[in-house]
């Protein structure tokens, strides 16, 4: 929807995407191509790391379903 709105508005912007939860074992991940993420880069979240930790901790039922070690990487612990 965002890309379509940008196209319709005929504007040029830098579009940043932030993966929240990727379904690692679902078809969505299988469809992800390396070309889709080859230009990806990391943004530092150090200034908001504690808020990020609190937000993640607010959803314990979702955390239980994640692959082993994933949450540590998401929290920048590994």
PDB file of N, CA and C in Angstrom:
ATOM      1  N   UNK A   1       0.825  -1.184   0.000  1.00  0.00           N
ATOM      2  CA  UNK A   1       0.000   0.000   0.000  1.00  0.00           C
ATOM      3  C   UNK A   1       0.868   1.245   0.000  1.00  0.00           C
ATOM      4  N   UNK A   2       1.950   1.204   0.781  1.00  0.00           N
ATOM      5  CA  UNK A   2       2.830   2.372   0.849  1.00  0.00           C
ATOM      6  C   UNK A   2       3.477   2.630  -0.505  1.00  0.00           C
ATOM      7  N   UNK A   3       3.980   1.573  -1.132  1.00  0.00           N
ATOM      8  CA  UNK A   3       4.617   1.740  -2.444  1.00  0.00           C
ATOM      9  C   UNK A   3       3.632   2.265  -3.470  1.00  0.00           C
ATOM     10  N   UNK A   4       2.413   1.775  -3.428  1.00  0.00           N
ATOM     11  CA  UNK A   4       1.390   2.245  -4.364  1.00  0.00           C
ATOM     12  C   UNK A   4       1.059   3.717  -4.120  1.00  0.00           C
ATOM     13  N   UNK A   5       0.979   4.119  -2.859  1.00  0.00           N
ATOM     14  CA  UNK A   5       0.699   5.526  -2.535  1.00  0.00           C
ATOM     15  C   UNK A   5       1.823   6.434  -3.022  1.00  0.00           C
ATOM     16  N   UNK A   6       3.050   5.979  -2.874  1.00  0.00           N
ATOM     17  CA  UNK A   6       4.202   6.766  -3.344  1.00  0.00           C
ATOM     18  C   UNK A   6       4.137   6.917  -4.860  1.00  0.00           C
ATOM     19  N   UNK A   7       3.820   5.824  -5.534  1.00  0.00           N
ATOM     20  CA  UNK A   7       3.708   5.859  -6.995  1.00  0.00           C
ATOM     21  C   UNK A   7       2.610   6.816  -7.433  1.00  0.00           C
ATOM     22  N   UNK A   8       1.454   6.715  -6.802  1.00  0.00           N
ATOM     23  CA  UNK A   8       0.335   7.575  -7.178  1.00  0.00           C
ATOM     24  C   UNK A   8       0.605   9.043  -6.868  1.00  0.00           C
ATOM     25  N   UNK A   9       1.359   9.297  -5.806  1.00  0.00           N
ATOM     26  CA  UNK A   9       1.683  10.683  -5.443  1.00  0.00           C
ATOM     27  C   UNK A   9       2.804  11.248  -6.305  1.00  0.00           C
ATOM     28  N   UNK A  10       3.446  10.365  -7.070  1.00  0.00           N
ATOM     29  CA  UNK A  10       4.541  10.765  -7.959  1.00  0.00           C
ATOM     30  C   UNK A  10       5.626  11.516  -7.203  1.00  0.00           C
ATOM     31  N   UNK A  11       5.998  10.953  -6.058  1.00  0.00           N
ATOM     32  CA  UNK A  11       7.073  11.541  -5.262  1.00  0.00           C
ATOM     33  C   UNK A  11       8.237  10.564  -5.190  1.00  0.00           C
ATOM     34  N   UNK A  12       9.399  11.086  -4.856  1.00  0.00           N
ATOM     35  CA  UNK A  12      10.585  10.263  -4.690  1.00  0.00           C
ATOM     36  C   UNK A  12      10.973  10.300  -3.219  1.00  0.00           C
ATOM     37  N   UNK A  13      11.034   9.130  -2.624  1.00  0.00           N
ATOM     38  CA  UNK A  13      11.409   9.022  -1.218  1.00  0.00           C
ATOM     39  C   UNK A  13      12.306   7.815  -1.028  1.00  0.00           C
ATOM     40  N   UNK A  14      13.036   7.812   0.060  1.00  0.00           N
ATOM     41  CA  UNK A  14      13.787   6.620   0.439  1.00  0.00           C
ATOM     42  C   UNK A  14      12.870   5.806   1.349  1.00  0.00           C
ATOM     43  N   UNK A  15      12.541   4.621   0.932  1.00  0.00           N
ATOM     44  CA  UNK A  15      11.624   3.769   1.673  1.00  0.00           C
ATOM     45  C   UNK A  15      12.431   2.805   2.534  1.00  0.00           C
ATOM     46  N   UNK A  16      12.268   2.913   3.838  1.00  0.00           N
ATOM     47  CA  UNK A  16      12.942   2.011   4.766  1.00  0.00           C
ATOM     48  C   UNK A  16      11.928   1.017   5.292  1.00  0.00           C
ATOM     49  N   UNK A  17      12.301  -0.246   5.294  1.00  0.00           N
ATOM     50  CA  UNK A  17      11.417  -1.295   5.780  1.00  0.00           C
ATOM     51  C   UNK A  17      12.085  -1.977   6.964  1.00  0.00           C
ATOM     52  N   UNK A  18      11.315  -2.290   7.961  1.00  0.00           N
ATOM     53  CA  UNK A  18      11.832  -2.911   9.171  1.00  0.00           C
ATOM     54  C   UNK A  18      11.047  -4.188   9.439  1.00  0.00           C
ATOM     55  N   UNK A  19      11.708  -5.331   9.332  1.00  0.00           N
ATOM     56  CA  UNK A  19      10.962  -6.571   9.600  1.00  0.00           C
ATOM     57  C   UNK A  19      10.626  -6.686  11.080  1.00  0.00           C
ATOM     58  N   UNK A  20       9.405  -6.943  11.372  1.00  0.00           N
ATOM     59  CA  UNK A  20       8.989  -7.116  12.751  1.00  0.00           C
ATOM     60  C   UNK A  20       9.040  -8.592  13.102  1.00  0.00           C
ATOM     61  N   UNK A  21       8.160  -9.362  12.588  1.00  0.00           N
ATOM     62  CA  UNK A  21       8.190 -10.814  12.773  1.00  0.00           C
ATOM     63  C   UNK A  21       8.070 -11.444  11.409  1.00  0.00           C
ATOM     64  N   UNK A  22       9.066 -12.181  10.999  1.00  0.00           N
ATOM     65  CA  UNK A  22       9.003 -12.928   9.752  1.00  0.00           C
ATOM     66  C   UNK A  22       8.609 -14.351  10.102  1.00  0.00           C
ATOM     67  N   UNK A  23       7.718 -14.922   9.341  1.00  0.00           N
ATOM     68  CA  UNK A  23       7.273 -16.289   9.583  1.00  0.00           C
ATOM     69  C   UNK A  23       8.334 -17.238   9.048  1.00  0.00           C
ATOM     70  N   UNK A  24       9.312 -17.562   9.873  1.00  0.00           N
ATOM     71  CA  UNK A  24      10.479 -18.327   9.444  1.00  0.00           C
ATOM     72  C   UNK A  24      10.136 -19.697   8.887  1.00  0.00           C
ATOM     73  N   UNK A  25       9.072 -20.291   9.335  1.00  0.00           N
ATOM     74  CA  UNK A  25       8.733 -21.637   8.878  1.00  0.00           C
ATOM     75  C   UNK A  25       7.527 -21.655   7.951  1.00  0.00           C
ATOM     76  N   UNK A  26       7.112 -20.511   7.502  1.00  0.00           N
ATOM     77  CA  UNK A  26       5.903 -20.415   6.690  1.00  0.00           C
ATOM     78  C   UNK A  26       6.268 -20.057   5.242  1.00  0.00           C
ATOM     79  N   UNK A  27       5.328 -20.175   4.339  1.00  0.00           N
ATOM     80  CA  UNK A  27       5.587 -19.872   2.925  1.00  0.00           C
ATOM     81  C   UNK A  27       6.140 -18.472   2.673  1.00  0.00           C
ATOM     82  N   UNK A  28       5.797 -17.502   3.499  1.00  0.00           N
ATOM     83  CA  UNK A  28       6.300 -16.145   3.300  1.00  0.00           C
ATOM     84  C   UNK A  28       7.817 -16.135   3.274  1.00  0.00           C
ATOM     85  N   UNK A  29       8.448 -16.854   4.177  1.00  0.00           N
ATOM     86  CA  UNK A  29       9.906 -16.900   4.215  1.00  0.00           C
ATOM     87  C   UNK A  29      10.455 -17.633   3.001  1.00  0.00           C
ATOM     88  N   UNK A  30       9.787 -18.666   2.588  1.00  0.00           N
ATOM     89  CA  UNK A  30      10.240 -19.435   1.428  1.00  0.00           C
ATOM     90  C   UNK A  30      10.223 -18.561   0.176  1.00  0.00           C
ATOM     91  N   UNK A  31       9.260 -17.662   0.091  1.00  0.00           N
ATOM     92  CA  UNK A  31       9.140 -16.792  -1.074  1.00  0.00           C
ATOM     93  C   UNK A  31      10.137 -15.638  -1.062  1.00  0.00           C
ATOM     94  N   UNK A  32      10.778 -15.392   0.068  1.00  0.00           N
ATOM     95  CA  UNK A  32      11.747 -14.292   0.176  1.00  0.00           C
ATOM     96  C   UNK A  32      12.991 -14.628  -0.633  1.00  0.00           C
ATOM     97  N   UNK A  33      13.352 -13.772  -1.532  1.00  0.00           N
ATOM     98  CA  UNK A  33      14.509 -13.982  -2.392  1.00  0.00           C
ATOM     99  C   UNK A  33      15.682 -13.146  -1.885  1.00  0.00           C
ATOM    100  N   UNK A  34      16.890 -13.641  -2.088  1.00  0.00           N
ATOM    101  CA  UNK A  34      18.065 -12.896  -1.655  1.00  0.00           C
ATOM    102  C   UNK A  34      18.128 -11.517  -2.290  1.00  0.00           C
ATOM    103  N   UNK A  35      17.663 -11.392  -3.527  1.00  0.00           N
ATOM    104  CA  UNK A  35      17.645 -10.080  -4.172  1.00  0.00           C
ATOM    105  C   UNK A  35      16.768  -9.085  -3.427  1.00  0.00           C
ATOM    106  N   UNK A  36      15.763  -9.604  -2.709  1.00  0.00           N
ATOM    107  CA  UNK A  36      14.868  -8.731  -1.951  1.00  0.00           C
ATOM    108  C   UNK A  36      15.575  -8.060  -0.782  1.00  0.00           C
ATOM    109  N   UNK A  37      16.630  -8.680  -0.289  1.00  0.00           N
ATOM    110  CA  UNK A  37      17.303  -8.140   0.899  1.00  0.00           C
ATOM    111  C   UNK A  37      18.769  -7.809   0.673  1.00  0.00           C
ATOM    112  N   UNK A  38      19.262  -7.928  -0.566  1.00  0.00           N
ATOM    113  CA  UNK A  38      20.688  -7.718  -0.807  1.00  0.00           C
ATOM    114  C   UNK A  38      21.125  -6.281  -0.525  1.00  0.00           C
ATOM    115  N   UNK A  39      20.249  -5.326  -0.643  1.00  0.00           N
ATOM    116  CA  UNK A  39      20.604  -3.935  -0.382  1.00  0.00           C
ATOM    117  C   UNK A  39      20.290  -3.516   1.054  1.00  0.00           C
ATOM    118  N   UNK A  40      19.927  -4.480   1.879  1.00  0.00           N
ATOM    119  CA  UNK A  40      19.549  -4.164   3.264  1.00  0.00           C
ATOM    120  C   UNK A  40      20.746  -3.667   4.060  1.00  0.00           C
ATOM    121  N   UNK A  41      20.478  -2.819   5.003  1.00  0.00           N
ATOM    122  CA  UNK A  41      21.505  -2.371   5.925  1.00  0.00           C
ATOM    123  C   UNK A  41      20.892  -2.209   7.296  1.00  0.00           C
ATOM    124  N   UNK A  42      21.747  -2.192   8.289  1.00  0.00           N
ATOM    125  CA  UNK A  42      21.263  -2.123   9.662  1.00  0.00           C
ATOM    126  C   UNK A  42      21.273  -0.684  10.160  1.00  0.00           C
ATOM    127  N   UNK A  43      20.264  -0.357  10.900  1.00  0.00           N
ATOM    128  CA  UNK A  43      20.191   0.933  11.570  1.00  0.00           C
ATOM    129  C   UNK A  43      20.380   0.691  13.061  1.00  0.00           C
ATOM    130  N   UNK A  44      21.138   1.532  13.697  1.00  0.00           N
ATOM    131  CA  UNK A  44      21.352   1.397  15.129  1.00  0.00           C
ATOM    132  C   UNK A  44      20.072   1.750  15.880  1.00  0.00           C
ATOM    133  N   UNK A  45      19.749   0.928  16.873  1.00  0.00           N
ATOM    134  CA  UNK A  45      18.595   1.200  17.724  1.00  0.00           C
ATOM    135  C   UNK A  45      19.033   1.423  19.178  1.00  0.00           C
ATOM    136  N   UNK A  46      20.311   1.697  19.353  1.00  0.00           N
ATOM    137  CA  UNK A  46      20.843   1.850  20.707  1.00  0.00           C
ATOM    138  C   UNK A  46      20.092   2.888  21.528  1.00  0.00           C
ATOM    139  N   UNK A  47      19.660   3.959  20.897  1.00  0.00           N
ATOM    140  CA  UNK A  47      18.981   5.015  21.654  1.00  0.00           C
ATOM    141  C   UNK A  47      17.582   4.613  22.107  1.00  0.00           C
ATOM    142  N   UNK A  48      17.034   3.566  21.485  1.00  0.00           N
ATOM    143  CA  UNK A  48      15.694   3.110  21.845  1.00  0.00           C
ATOM    144  C   UNK A  48      15.668   1.627  22.229  1.00  0.00           C
ATOM    145  N   UNK A  49      16.841   1.064  22.508  1.00  0.00           N
ATOM    146  CA  UNK A  49      16.932  -0.372  22.792  1.00  0.00           C
ATOM    147  C   UNK A  49      16.039  -0.795  23.965  1.00  0.00           C
ATOM    148  N   UNK A  50      16.008  -0.009  25.022  1.00  0.00           N
ATOM    149  CA  UNK A  50      15.187  -0.379  26.178  1.00  0.00           C
ATOM    150  C   UNK A  50      13.705  -0.374  25.820  1.00  0.00           C
ATOM    151  N   UNK A  51      13.261   0.591  25.051  1.00  0.00           N
ATOM    152  CA  UNK A  51      11.857   0.616  24.607  1.00  0.00           C
ATOM    153  C   UNK A  51      11.555  -0.584  23.715  1.00  0.00           C
ATOM    154  N   UNK A  52      12.493  -0.947  22.865  1.00  0.00           N
ATOM    155  CA  UNK A  52      12.320  -2.114  22.010  1.00  0.00           C
ATOM    156  C   UNK A  52      12.179  -3.372  22.868  1.00  0.00           C
ATOM    157  N   UNK A  53      13.030  -3.519  23.868  1.00  0.00           N
ATOM    158  CA  UNK A  53      12.965  -4.674  24.763  1.00  0.00           C
ATOM    159  C   UNK A  53      11.611  -4.746  25.470  1.00  0.00           C
ATOM    160  N   UNK A  54      11.123  -3.609  25.933  1.00  0.00           N
ATOM    161  CA  UNK A  54       9.830  -3.573  26.619  1.00  0.00           C
ATOM    162  C   UNK A  54       8.695  -3.944  25.669  1.00  0.00           C
ATOM    163  N   UNK A  55       8.764  -3.461  24.444  1.00  0.00           N
ATOM    164  CA  UNK A  55       7.721  -3.771  23.466  1.00  0.00           C
ATOM    165  C   UNK A  55       7.698  -5.261  23.156  1.00  0.00           C
ATOM    166  N   UNK A  56       8.855  -5.858  22.992  1.00  0.00           N
ATOM    167  CA  UNK A  56       8.930  -7.289  22.711  1.00  0.00           C
ATOM    168  C   UNK A  56       8.419  -8.083  23.902  1.00  0.00           C
ATOM    169  N   UNK A  57       8.796  -7.679  25.102  1.00  0.00           N
ATOM    170  CA  UNK A  57       8.373  -8.388  26.309  1.00  0.00           C
ATOM    171  C   UNK A  57       6.860  -8.327  26.522  1.00  0.00           C
ATOM    172  N   UNK A  58       6.199  -7.364  25.894  1.00  0.00           N
ATOM    173  CA  UNK A  58       4.744  -7.219  26.043  1.00  0.00           C
ATOM    174  C   UNK A  58       3.969  -8.295  25.286  1.00  0.00           C
ATOM    175  N   UNK A  59       4.664  -9.108  24.492  1.00  0.00           N
ATOM    176  CA  UNK A  59       3.999 -10.135  23.680  1.00  0.00           C
ATOM    177  C   UNK A  59       4.614 -11.514  23.927  1.00  0.00           C
ATOM    178  N   UNK A  60       4.530 -12.010  25.163  1.00  0.00           N
ATOM    179  CA  UNK A  60       5.181 -13.288  25.489  1.00  0.00           C
ATOM    180  C   UNK A  60       4.629 -14.486  24.720  1.00  0.00           C
ATOM    181  N   UNK A  61       3.346 -14.470  24.370  1.00  0.00           N
ATOM    182  CA  UNK A  61       2.803 -15.624  23.647  1.00  0.00           C
ATOM    183  C   UNK A  61       3.413 -15.749  22.248  1.00  0.00           C
ATOM    184  N   UNK A  62       3.706 -14.642  21.604  1.00  0.00           N
ATOM    185  CA  UNK A  62       4.324 -14.686  20.282  1.00  0.00           C
ATOM    186  C   UNK A  62       5.787 -15.119  20.374  1.00  0.00           C
ATOM    187  N   UNK A  63       6.464 -14.714  21.437  1.00  0.00           N
ATOM    188  CA  UNK A  63       7.876 -15.049  21.603  1.00  0.00           C
ATOM    189  C   UNK A  63       8.060 -16.556  21.734  1.00  0.00           C
ATOM    190  N   UNK A  64       7.109 -17.235  22.365  1.00  0.00           N
ATOM    191  CA  UNK A  64       7.204 -18.684  22.570  1.00  0.00           C
ATOM    192  C   UNK A  64       7.275 -19.446  21.251  1.00  0.00           C
ATOM    193  N   UNK A  65       6.724 -18.908  20.195  1.00  0.00           N
ATOM    194  CA  UNK A  65       6.659 -19.626  18.921  1.00  0.00           C
ATOM    195  C   UNK A  65       7.893 -19.409  18.045  1.00  0.00           C
ATOM    196  N   UNK A  66       8.800 -18.556  18.455  1.00  0.00           N
ATOM    197  CA  UNK A  66       9.968 -18.243  17.627  1.00  0.00           C
ATOM    198  C   UNK A  66      11.018 -19.339  17.699  1.00  0.00           C
ATOM    199  N   UNK A  67      11.806 -19.487  16.636  1.00  0.00           N
ATOM    200  CA  UNK A  67      12.881 -20.469  16.649  1.00  0.00           C
ATOM    201  C   UNK A  67      13.894 -20.172  17.750  1.00  0.00           C
ATOM    202  N   UNK A  68      14.545 -21.206  18.227  1.00  0.00           N
ATOM    203  CA  UNK A  68      15.546 -21.063  19.276  1.00  0.00           C
ATOM    204  C   UNK A  68      16.623 -20.058  18.868  1.00  0.00           C
ATOM    205  N   UNK A  69      16.945 -19.144  19.738  1.00  0.00           N
ATOM    206  CA  UNK A  69      17.990 -18.154  19.490  1.00  0.00           C
ATOM    207  C   UNK A  69      17.553 -16.922  18.733  1.00  0.00           C
ATOM    208  N   UNK A  70      16.366 -16.965  18.119  1.00  0.00           N
ATOM    209  CA  UNK A  70      15.934 -15.827  17.321  1.00  0.00           C
ATOM    210  C   UNK A  70      15.765 -14.571  18.162  1.00  0.00           C
ATOM    211  N   UNK A  71      15.120 -14.702  19.300  1.00  0.00           N
ATOM    212  CA  UNK A  71      14.830 -13.511  20.110  1.00  0.00           C
ATOM    213  C   UNK A  71      16.118 -12.837  20.569  1.00  0.00           C
ATOM    214  N   UNK A  72      17.154 -13.607  20.862  1.00  0.00           N
ATOM    215  CA  UNK A  72      18.438 -13.003  21.241  1.00  0.00           C
ATOM    216  C   UNK A  72      19.024 -12.180  20.115  1.00  0.00           C
ATOM    217  N   UNK A  73      18.911 -12.676  18.887  1.00  0.00           N
ATOM    218  CA  UNK A  73      19.396 -11.898  17.752  1.00  0.00           C
ATOM    219  C   UNK A  73      18.551 -10.647  17.565  1.00  0.00           C
ATOM    220  N   UNK A  74      17.245 -10.793  17.754  1.00  0.00           N
ATOM    221  CA  UNK A  74      16.348  -9.654  17.581  1.00  0.00           C
ATOM    222  C   UNK A  74      16.625  -8.586  18.633  1.00  0.00           C
ATOM    223  N   UNK A  75      17.036  -9.017  19.827  1.00  0.00           N
ATOM    224  CA  UNK A  75      17.364  -8.080  20.903  1.00  0.00           C
ATOM    225  C   UNK A  75      18.822  -7.655  20.865  1.00  0.00           C
ATOM    226  N   UNK A  76      19.535  -8.071  19.826  1.00  0.00           N
ATOM    227  CA  UNK A  76      20.963  -7.757  19.686  1.00  0.00           C
ATOM    228  C   UNK A  76      21.803  -8.324  20.808  1.00  0.00           C
ATOM    229  N   UNK A  77      21.437  -9.514  21.301  1.00  0.00           N
ATOM    230  CA  UNK A  77      22.178 -10.155  22.383  1.00  0.00           C
ATOM    231  C   UNK A  77      23.184 -11.166  21.873  1.00  0.00           C
ATOM    232  N   UNK A  78      23.164 -11.476  20.595  1.00  0.00           N
ATOM    233  CA  UNK A  78      24.118 -12.445  20.065  1.00  0.00           C
ATOM    234  C   UNK A  78      24.775 -11.932  18.815  1.00  0.00           C
TER     235      UNK A  78
END
